[in-house]
Amino acid sequence: MVKVKDISSFNMDLFRVDGKVAIVTGAAVGIGRAYAVALAKAGADLFIVDLNPSRETRDLILKEGRKAVYVEADLAVRENIDTVVQECIKAYGKIDILVNNAGIIKIAPLLEYSEKDWLKVIDVNVNAVFYLSKEVAKLMVSQGSGKIINIGSMLSFQGSHNAVAYTTARTAVLGMTRAFASELAKNNVQVNALCPGWILSESGIQMFGEAKELAATIPVGRFGDPYDCMGSLIFLASEASNYITGIALPIDGGYLIGGF
């Protein structure tokens, strides 16, 4: 006989990630830094990866009383994927959460878009997500649990001028999320995506600056901030979302629904 859980036993500690180990890529600045700090505040120890120095992010994590290790690595280089996984295991002995945040954007008109830029964006934004997720998933399957959180964007749902590779990559990430989620669900590994909207991070400013006309298309009436992305990340990284897998959650101030 199927037994329904007693709802009175619900505990807000389900939103904690105490004792968990999380890898966050692209964690040196902006939204990636916010994700790493959110996880630290919720109780996780961090392994942070970026092409650039991540000392400030590390210091913010340490300030929360959590452990932090960081490596500088270009995830477009396949060998670096294995190094990241091995170094995290060496430091912590396990991986519970993977946040695939690292990404780059190259802006150019479609008919002028170079092969070099196309390949670089696809390598970082698609191939690195696949290879790192695959290697981490092997560990999560063996331990019987895990959370993989991929980062998309509004361009996972829409087209955009002058960003053909980025748009293609962010769309591919959603397909990858669903494929991984389907295969890993039986192993108690949940795979989901967060899709930040027009967030005033470094890449967001590069794409749209502070254009008032764009802000006017967002129902809440403003651009987002990295702070706005932290709660959703913790939800998907915690046991509170154990029955959710394969979704793409917009963090967009209502942009996708439109409004007047």
C-alpha atoms as a PDB file:
ATOM      1  CA  MET A   1       0.000   0.000   0.000  1.00  0.00           C
ATOM      2  CA  VAL A   2       1.328   3.414  -0.975  1.00  0.00           C
ATOM      3  CA  LYS A   3       1.915   5.648   2.005  1.00  0.00           C
ATOM      4  CA  VAL A   4       1.628   9.418   1.658  1.00  0.00           C
ATOM      5  CA  LYS A   5       4.135  11.476   3.597  1.00  0.00           C
ATOM      6  CA  ASP A   6       2.888  13.378   6.602  1.00  0.00           C
ATOM      7  CA  ILE A   7       2.845  17.050   5.562  1.00  0.00           C
ATOM      8  CA  SER A   8       3.338  18.128   9.162  1.00  0.00           C
ATOM      9  CA  SER A   9       6.848  16.668   8.929  1.00  0.00           C
ATOM     10  CA  PHE A  10       7.884  19.253   6.309  1.00  0.00           C
ATOM     11  CA  ASN A  11      11.051  20.965   7.474  1.00  0.00           C
ATOM     12  CA  MET A  12      12.527  24.189   6.133  1.00  0.00           C
ATOM     13  CA  ASP A  13      15.927  22.549   6.463  1.00  0.00           C
ATOM     14  CA  LEU A  14      15.084  20.959   3.103  1.00  0.00           C
ATOM     15  CA  PHE A  15      16.250  24.263   1.620  1.00  0.00           C
ATOM     16  CA  ARG A  16      19.674  23.877   3.251  1.00  0.00           C
ATOM     17  CA  VAL A  17      22.671  22.212   1.608  1.00  0.00           C
ATOM     18  CA  ASP A  18      24.742  21.729   4.735  1.00  0.00           C
ATOM     19  CA  GLY A  19      27.758  19.509   4.190  1.00  0.00           C
ATOM     20  CA  LYS A  20      27.289  19.365   0.435  1.00  0.00           C
ATOM     21  CA  VAL A  21      30.116  20.014  -2.027  1.00  0.00           C
ATOM     22  CA  ALA A  22      29.334  22.219  -5.011  1.00  0.00           C
ATOM     23  CA  ILE A  23      31.265  23.029  -8.162  1.00  0.00           C
ATOM     24  CA  VAL A  24      30.383  26.388  -9.683  1.00  0.00           C
ATOM     25  CA  THR A  25      31.972  27.338 -12.996  1.00  0.00           C
ATOM     26  CA  GLY A  26      32.360  30.920 -14.138  1.00  0.00           C
ATOM     27  CA  ALA A  27      32.346  31.985 -10.490  1.00  0.00           C
ATOM     28  CA  ALA A  28      34.822  34.884 -10.524  1.00  0.00           C
ATOM     29  CA  VAL A  29      32.248  37.637 -11.064  1.00  0.00           C
ATOM     30  CA  GLY A  30      28.590  38.469 -11.564  1.00  0.00           C
ATOM     31  CA  ILE A  31      25.890  35.800 -11.440  1.00  0.00           C
ATOM     32  CA  GLY A  32      28.404  32.984 -10.969  1.00  0.00           C
ATOM     33  CA  ARG A  33      29.787  34.662  -7.875  1.00  0.00           C
ATOM     34  CA  ALA A  34      26.238  35.137  -6.573  1.00  0.00           C
ATOM     35  CA  TYR A  35      25.508  31.420  -7.079  1.00  0.00           C
ATOM     36  CA  ALA A  36      28.666  30.426  -5.197  1.00  0.00           C
ATOM     37  CA  VAL A  37      27.961  32.758  -2.286  1.00  0.00           C
ATOM     38  CA  ALA A  38      24.325  31.600  -2.106  1.00  0.00           C
ATOM     39  CA  LEU A  39      25.464  27.987  -1.799  1.00  0.00           C
ATOM     40  CA  ALA A  40      27.937  28.935   0.922  1.00  0.00           C
ATOM     41  CA  LYS A  41      25.220  30.782   2.837  1.00  0.00           C
ATOM     42  CA  ALA A  42      23.061  27.645   2.588  1.00  0.00           C
ATOM     43  CA  GLY A  43      25.838  25.483   4.020  1.00  0.00           C
ATOM     44  CA  ALA A  44      27.851  24.093   1.101  1.00  0.00           C
ATOM     45  CA  ASP A  45      31.597  23.977   0.577  1.00  0.00           C
ATOM     46  CA  LEU A  46      32.683  25.298  -2.796  1.00  0.00           C
ATOM     47  CA  PHE A  47      35.002  24.333  -5.618  1.00  0.00           C
ATOM     48  CA  ILE A  48      34.992  27.321  -7.949  1.00  0.00           C
ATOM     49  CA  VAL A  49      36.306  27.407 -11.495  1.00  0.00           C
ATOM     50  CA  ASP A  50      36.986  30.350 -13.753  1.00  0.00           C
ATOM     51  CA  LEU A  51      39.351  31.461 -16.470  1.00  0.00           C
ATOM     52  CA  ASN A  52      40.107  34.478 -14.274  1.00  0.00           C
ATOM     53  CA  PRO A  53      41.316  34.709 -10.659  1.00  0.00           C
ATOM     54  CA  SER A  54      38.513  34.034  -8.169  1.00  0.00           C
ATOM     55  CA  ARG A  55      40.069  35.261  -4.930  1.00  0.00           C
ATOM     56  CA  GLU A  56      37.269  37.688  -4.140  1.00  0.00           C
ATOM     57  CA  THR A  57      34.638  34.977  -4.577  1.00  0.00           C
ATOM     58  CA  ARG A  58      36.719  32.630  -2.423  1.00  0.00           C
ATOM     59  CA  ASP A  59      37.020  35.270   0.298  1.00  0.00           C
ATOM     60  CA  LEU A  60      33.248  35.823   0.345  1.00  0.00           C
ATOM     61  CA  ILE A  61      32.732  32.080   0.788  1.00  0.00           C
ATOM     62  CA  LEU A  62      35.281  31.878   3.587  1.00  0.00           C
ATOM     63  CA  LYS A  63      33.513  34.786   5.275  1.00  0.00           C
ATOM     64  CA  GLU A  64      30.421  32.579   5.473  1.00  0.00           C
ATOM     65  CA  GLY A  65      32.443  29.982   7.387  1.00  0.00           C
ATOM     66  CA  ARG A  66      32.561  27.519   4.498  1.00  0.00           C
ATOM     67  CA  LYS A  67      35.521  25.989   2.675  1.00  0.00           C
ATOM     68  CA  ALA A  68      36.535  27.270  -0.750  1.00  0.00           C
ATOM     69  CA  VAL A  69      38.994  25.991  -3.333  1.00  0.00           C
ATOM     70  CA  TYR A  70      39.396  27.642  -6.707  1.00  0.00           C
ATOM     71  CA  VAL A  71      41.197  26.774  -9.906  1.00  0.00           C
ATOM     72  CA  GLU A  72      41.836  28.880 -12.975  1.00  0.00           C
ATOM     73  CA  ALA A  73      40.944  26.827 -16.029  1.00  0.00           C
ATOM     74  CA  ASP A  74      39.763  27.239 -19.598  1.00  0.00           C
ATOM     75  CA  LEU A  75      36.889  24.766 -19.834  1.00  0.00           C
ATOM     76  CA  ALA A  76      37.087  24.848 -23.627  1.00  0.00           C
ATOM     77  CA  VAL A  77      40.166  22.615 -23.218  1.00  0.00           C
ATOM     78  CA  ARG A  78      38.921  19.051 -22.776  1.00  0.00           C
ATOM     79  CA  GLU A  79      41.770  17.990 -20.488  1.00  0.00           C
ATOM     80  CA  ASN A  80      40.879  20.729 -18.025  1.00  0.00           C
ATOM     81  CA  ILE A  81      37.483  19.096 -17.428  1.00  0.00           C
ATOM     82  CA  ASP A  82      39.146  15.990 -16.025  1.00  0.00           C
ATOM     83  CA  THR A  83      41.478  18.133 -13.935  1.00  0.00           C
ATOM     84  CA  VAL A  84      38.568  20.028 -12.368  1.00  0.00           C
ATOM     85  CA  VAL A  85      36.805  16.803 -11.371  1.00  0.00           C
ATOM     86  CA  GLN A  86      39.982  15.194 -10.047  1.00  0.00           C
ATOM     87  CA  GLU A  87      41.005  18.250  -8.037  1.00  0.00           C
ATOM     88  CA  CYS A  88      37.540  18.587  -6.500  1.00  0.00           C
ATOM     89  CA  ILE A  89      37.583  14.933  -5.457  1.00  0.00           C
ATOM     90  CA  LYS A  90      41.082  15.371  -4.075  1.00  0.00           C
ATOM     91  CA  ALA A  91      39.945  18.384  -2.029  1.00  0.00           C
ATOM     92  CA  TYR A  92      36.578  17.122  -0.803  1.00  0.00           C
ATOM     93  CA  GLY A  93      36.120  13.461  -1.709  1.00  0.00           C
ATOM     94  CA  LYS A  94      32.742  13.958  -3.393  1.00  0.00           C
ATOM     95  CA  ILE A  95      30.617  16.219  -5.597  1.00  0.00           C
ATOM     96  CA  ASP A  96      26.963  16.818  -4.698  1.00  0.00           C
ATOM     97  CA  ILE A  97      26.070  19.857  -6.807  1.00  0.00           C
ATOM     98  CA  LEU A  98      27.302  21.073 -10.180  1.00  0.00           C
ATOM     99  CA  VAL A  99      26.397  24.538 -11.460  1.00  0.00           C
ATOM    100  CA  ASN A 100      27.374  24.933 -15.118  1.00  0.00           C
ATOM    101  CA  ASN A 101      27.485  28.709 -15.208  1.00  0.00           C
ATOM    102  CA  ALA A 102      30.616  29.416 -17.282  1.00  0.00           C
ATOM    103  CA  GLY A 103      29.851  30.991 -20.615  1.00  0.00           C
ATOM    104  CA  ILE A 104      31.100  33.486 -23.146  1.00  0.00           C
ATOM    105  CA  ILE A 105      29.435  35.620 -25.790  1.00  0.00           C
ATOM    106  CA  LYS A 106      30.828  36.927 -29.039  1.00  0.00           C
ATOM    107  CA  ILE A 107      28.870  39.745 -30.667  1.00  0.00           C
ATOM    108  CA  ALA A 108      28.853  40.154 -34.457  1.00  0.00           C
ATOM    109  CA  PRO A 109      26.293  40.301 -37.295  1.00  0.00           C
ATOM    110  CA  LEU A 110      25.287  36.871 -38.602  1.00  0.00           C
ATOM    111  CA  LEU A 111      26.843  37.307 -42.050  1.00  0.00           C
ATOM    112  CA  GLU A 112      30.119  38.444 -40.519  1.00  0.00           C
ATOM    113  CA  TYR A 113      30.297  35.862 -37.737  1.00  0.00           C
ATOM    114  CA  SER A 114      33.689  34.149 -37.758  1.00  0.00           C
ATOM    115  CA  GLU A 115      34.290  30.425 -37.517  1.00  0.00           C
ATOM    116  CA  LYS A 116      36.754  31.068 -34.693  1.00  0.00           C
ATOM    117  CA  ASP A 117      34.144  32.851 -32.579  1.00  0.00           C
ATOM    118  CA  TRP A 118      31.487  30.254 -33.385  1.00  0.00           C
ATOM    119  CA  LEU A 119      33.697  27.357 -32.280  1.00  0.00           C
ATOM    120  CA  LYS A 120      34.880  29.108 -29.114  1.00  0.00           C
ATOM    121  CA  VAL A 121      31.352  29.890 -27.927  1.00  0.00           C
ATOM    122  CA  ILE A 122      30.156  26.346 -28.657  1.00  0.00           C
ATOM    123  CA  ASP A 123      33.190  24.838 -26.914  1.00  0.00           C
ATOM    124  CA  VAL A 124      32.661  26.812 -23.699  1.00  0.00           C
ATOM    125  CA  ASN A 125      28.863  27.050 -23.603  1.00  0.00           C
ATOM    126  CA  VAL A 126      27.922  23.589 -24.910  1.00  0.00           C
ATOM    127  CA  ASN A 127      30.805  21.131 -25.061  1.00  0.00           C
ATOM    128  CA  ALA A 128      32.203  22.012 -21.635  1.00  0.00           C
ATOM    129  CA  VAL A 129      28.734  21.653 -20.091  1.00  0.00           C
ATOM    130  CA  PHE A 130      28.368  18.200 -21.648  1.00  0.00           C
ATOM    131  CA  TYR A 131      31.780  16.849 -20.711  1.00  0.00           C
ATOM    132  CA  LEU A 132      31.774  18.223 -17.170  1.00  0.00           C
ATOM    133  CA  SER A 133      28.198  17.088 -16.527  1.00  0.00           C
ATOM    134  CA  LYS A 134      28.958  13.626 -17.875  1.00  0.00           C
ATOM    135  CA  GLU A 135      32.021  13.157 -15.645  1.00  0.00           C
ATOM    136  CA  VAL A 136      30.273  14.516 -12.562  1.00  0.00           C
ATOM    137  CA  ALA A 137      27.166  12.427 -13.303  1.00  0.00           C
ATOM    138  CA  LYS A 138      29.258   9.248 -13.093  1.00  0.00           C
ATOM    139  CA  LEU A 139      30.144  10.159  -9.498  1.00  0.00           C
ATOM    140  CA  MET A 140      26.594  11.172  -8.627  1.00  0.00           C
ATOM    141  CA  VAL A 141      25.189   7.905  -9.961  1.00  0.00           C
ATOM    142  CA  SER A 142      27.686   5.927  -7.879  1.00  0.00           C
ATOM    143  CA  GLN A 143      26.704   7.830  -4.721  1.00  0.00           C
ATOM    144  CA  GLY A 144      22.986   7.678  -5.482  1.00  0.00           C
ATOM    145  CA  SER A 145      22.233  11.402  -5.459  1.00  0.00           C
ATOM    146  CA  GLY A 146      23.155  14.712  -7.018  1.00  0.00           C
ATOM    147  CA  LYS A 147      22.028  17.999  -8.510  1.00  0.00           C
ATOM    148  CA  ILE A 148      23.154  19.355 -11.866  1.00  0.00           C
ATOM    149  CA  ILE A 149      22.025  22.895 -12.632  1.00  0.00           C
ATOM    150  CA  ASN A 150      22.698  24.259 -16.090  1.00  0.00           C
ATOM    151  CA  ILE A 151      22.478  27.958 -16.865  1.00  0.00           C
ATOM    152  CA  GLY A 152      20.566  29.102 -19.906  1.00  0.00           C
ATOM    153  CA  SER A 153      19.192  32.559 -20.634  1.00  0.00           C
ATOM    154  CA  MET A 154      16.329  34.351 -22.360  1.00  0.00           C
ATOM    155  CA  LEU A 155      18.091  33.388 -25.585  1.00  0.00           C
ATOM    156  CA  SER A 156      17.324  29.765 -24.747  1.00  0.00           C
ATOM    157  CA  PHE A 157      13.772  30.707 -25.797  1.00  0.00           C
ATOM    158  CA  GLN A 158      14.256  33.521 -28.328  1.00  0.00           C
ATOM    159  CA  GLY A 159      16.469  34.655 -31.153  1.00  0.00           C
ATOM    160  CA  SER A 160      18.680  37.727 -31.001  1.00  0.00           C
ATOM    161  CA  HIS A 161      20.548  39.984 -33.351  1.00  0.00           C
ATOM    162  CA  ASN A 162      24.335  39.589 -33.447  1.00  0.00           C
ATOM    163  CA  ALA A 163      24.515  36.594 -31.089  1.00  0.00           C
ATOM    164  CA  VAL A 164      23.977  33.515 -33.253  1.00  0.00           C
ATOM    165  CA  ALA A 165      26.461  31.259 -31.443  1.00  0.00           C
ATOM    166  CA  TYR A 166      25.318  32.294 -27.976  1.00  0.00           C
ATOM    167  CA  THR A 167      21.649  31.833 -28.881  1.00  0.00           C
ATOM    168  CA  THR A 168      22.371  28.411 -30.387  1.00  0.00           C
ATOM    169  CA  ALA A 169      24.402  27.369 -27.356  1.00  0.00           C
ATOM    170  CA  ARG A 170      21.859  28.479 -24.777  1.00  0.00           C
ATOM    171  CA  THR A 171      19.110  26.658 -26.683  1.00  0.00           C
ATOM    172  CA  ALA A 172      21.239  23.505 -26.819  1.00  0.00           C
ATOM    173  CA  VAL A 173      21.725  23.632 -23.055  1.00  0.00           C
ATOM    174  CA  LEU A 174      17.977  23.146 -22.539  1.00  0.00           C
ATOM    175  CA  GLY A 175      17.959  20.067 -24.767  1.00  0.00           C
ATOM    176  CA  MET A 176      20.945  18.704 -22.883  1.00  0.00           C
ATOM    177  CA  THR A 177      19.198  19.378 -19.573  1.00  0.00           C
ATOM    178  CA  ARG A 178      16.166  17.347 -20.600  1.00  0.00           C
ATOM    179  CA  ALA A 179      18.276  14.481 -21.983  1.00  0.00           C
ATOM    180  CA  PHE A 180      20.412  14.203 -18.834  1.00  0.00           C
ATOM    181  CA  ALA A 181      17.338  14.518 -16.615  1.00  0.00           C
ATOM    182  CA  SER A 182      15.568  11.692 -18.433  1.00  0.00           C
ATOM    183  CA  GLU A 183      18.482   9.281 -18.101  1.00  0.00           C
ATOM    184  CA  LEU A 184      19.571  10.125 -14.569  1.00  0.00           C
ATOM    185  CA  ALA A 185      16.191  10.383 -12.826  1.00  0.00           C
ATOM    186  CA  LYS A 186      16.240   6.721 -11.837  1.00  0.00           C
ATOM    187  CA  ASN A 187      19.550   7.340 -10.039  1.00  0.00           C
ATOM    188  CA  ASN A 188      18.138  10.145  -7.842  1.00  0.00           C
ATOM    189  CA  VAL A 189      20.074  12.762  -9.799  1.00  0.00           C
ATOM    190  CA  GLN A 190      18.028  15.825 -10.743  1.00  0.00           C
ATOM    191  CA  VAL A 191      19.070  17.965 -13.708  1.00  0.00           C
ATOM    192  CA  ASN A 192      17.470  21.354 -14.227  1.00  0.00           C
ATOM    193  CA  ALA A 193      18.209  24.697 -15.848  1.00  0.00           C
ATOM    194  CA  LEU A 194      17.975  28.277 -14.672  1.00  0.00           C
ATOM    195  CA  CYS A 195      17.424  30.899 -17.346  1.00  0.00           C
ATOM    196  CA  PRO A 196      18.270  34.395 -16.115  1.00  0.00           C
ATOM    197  CA  GLY A 197      16.684  37.244 -18.004  1.00  0.00           C
ATOM    198  CA  TRP A 198      18.141  40.682 -18.470  1.00  0.00           C
ATOM    199  CA  ILE A 199      20.493  40.697 -15.507  1.00  0.00           C
ATOM    200  CA  LEU A 200      22.953  43.533 -14.973  1.00  0.00           C
ATOM    201  CA  SER A 201      26.017  41.326 -14.832  1.00  0.00           C
ATOM    202  CA  GLU A 202      29.132  41.783 -16.945  1.00  0.00           C
ATOM    203  CA  SER A 203      27.810  39.823 -19.942  1.00  0.00           C
ATOM    204  CA  GLY A 204      24.374  41.401 -19.635  1.00  0.00           C
ATOM    205  CA  ILE A 205      25.803  44.900 -19.758  1.00  0.00           C
ATOM    206  CA  GLN A 206      27.874  43.860 -22.766  1.00  0.00           C
ATOM    207  CA  MET A 207      24.723  42.801 -24.588  1.00  0.00           C
ATOM    208  CA  PHE A 208      22.213  45.515 -23.709  1.00  0.00           C
ATOM    209  CA  GLY A 209      23.813  48.104 -21.485  1.00  0.00           C
ATOM    210  CA  GLU A 210      21.202  49.955 -19.458  1.00  0.00           C
ATOM    211  CA  ALA A 211      18.783  50.639 -22.309  1.00  0.00           C
ATOM    212  CA  LYS A 212      15.598  52.118 -20.834  1.00  0.00           C
ATOM    213  CA  GLU A 213      13.537  50.883 -23.767  1.00  0.00           C
ATOM    214  CA  LEU A 214      14.479  47.273 -22.969  1.00  0.00           C
ATOM    215  CA  ALA A 215      13.750  47.689 -19.264  1.00  0.00           C
ATOM    216  CA  ALA A 216      10.297  48.936 -20.243  1.00  0.00           C
ATOM    217  CA  THR A 217       9.514  45.527 -21.809  1.00  0.00           C
ATOM    218  CA  ILE A 218       9.970  43.768 -18.451  1.00  0.00           C
ATOM    219  CA  PRO A 219       6.685  43.604 -16.518  1.00  0.00           C
ATOM    220  CA  VAL A 220       8.347  44.296 -13.150  1.00  0.00           C
ATOM    221  CA  GLY A 221       9.830  47.435 -14.703  1.00  0.00           C
ATOM    222  CA  ARG A 222      13.524  46.894 -14.087  1.00  0.00           C
ATOM    223  CA  PHE A 223      16.552  44.838 -15.011  1.00  0.00           C
ATOM    224  CA  GLY A 224      17.474  42.001 -12.699  1.00  0.00           C
ATOM    225  CA  ASP A 225      20.484  41.784 -10.441  1.00  0.00           C
ATOM    226  CA  PRO A 226      22.669  38.762  -9.570  1.00  0.00           C
ATOM    227  CA  TYR A 227      20.982  38.861  -6.145  1.00  0.00           C
ATOM    228  CA  ASP A 228      17.684  37.988  -7.859  1.00  0.00           C
ATOM    229  CA  CYS A 229      19.158  34.684  -9.065  1.00  0.00           C
ATOM    230  CA  MET A 230      20.336  33.314  -5.736  1.00  0.00           C
ATOM    231  CA  GLY A 231      17.100  31.946  -4.271  1.00  0.00           C
ATOM    232  CA  SER A 232      16.142  29.929  -7.345  1.00  0.00           C
ATOM    233  CA  LEU A 233      19.586  28.355  -7.417  1.00  0.00           C
ATOM    234  CA  ILE A 234      19.313  27.243  -3.797  1.00  0.00           C
ATOM    235  CA  PHE A 235      15.867  25.744  -4.441  1.00  0.00           C
ATOM    236  CA  LEU A 236      17.143  23.593  -7.319  1.00  0.00           C
ATOM    237  CA  ALA A 237      20.319  22.648  -5.418  1.00  0.00           C
ATOM    238  CA  SER A 238      18.477  21.523  -2.277  1.00  0.00           C
ATOM    239  CA  GLU A 239      16.327  18.548  -1.325  1.00  0.00           C
ATOM    240  CA  ALA A 240      13.275  20.821  -1.582  1.00  0.00           C
ATOM    241  CA  SER A 241      13.342  20.195  -5.356  1.00  0.00           C
ATOM    242  CA  ASN A 242      13.860  16.414  -5.285  1.00  0.00           C
ATOM    243  CA  TYR A 243      10.684  15.791  -7.305  1.00  0.00           C
ATOM    244  CA  ILE A 244      11.602  18.325  -9.990  1.00  0.00           C
ATOM    245  CA  THR A 245      13.804  17.433 -12.932  1.00  0.00           C
ATOM    246  CA  GLY A 246      14.198  18.506 -16.544  1.00  0.00           C
ATOM    247  CA  ILE A 247      12.750  21.988 -16.135  1.00  0.00           C
ATOM    248  CA  ALA A 248      13.960  25.360 -17.388  1.00  0.00           C
ATOM    249  CA  LEU A 249      13.103  28.045 -14.831  1.00  0.00           C
ATOM    250  CA  PRO A 250      13.141  31.646 -16.097  1.00  0.00           C
ATOM    251  CA  ILE A 251      14.357  34.377 -13.741  1.00  0.00           C
ATOM    252  CA  ASP A 252      13.125  37.224 -15.886  1.00  0.00           C
ATOM    253  CA  GLY A 253      10.783  39.596 -14.080  1.00  0.00           C
ATOM    254  CA  GLY A 254       7.953  38.320 -16.272  1.00  0.00           C
ATOM    255  CA  TYR A 255       9.698  39.158 -19.565  1.00  0.00           C
ATOM    256  CA  LEU A 256       8.614  35.945 -21.335  1.00  0.00           C
ATOM    257  CA  ILE A 257       4.941  36.446 -20.522  1.00  0.00           C
ATOM    258  CA  GLY A 258       5.002  40.002 -21.851  1.00  0.00           C
ATOM    259  CA  GLY A 259       2.661  42.590 -20.448  1.00  0.00           C
ATOM    260  CA  PHE A 260       1.460  46.125 -20.965  1.00  0.00           C
END
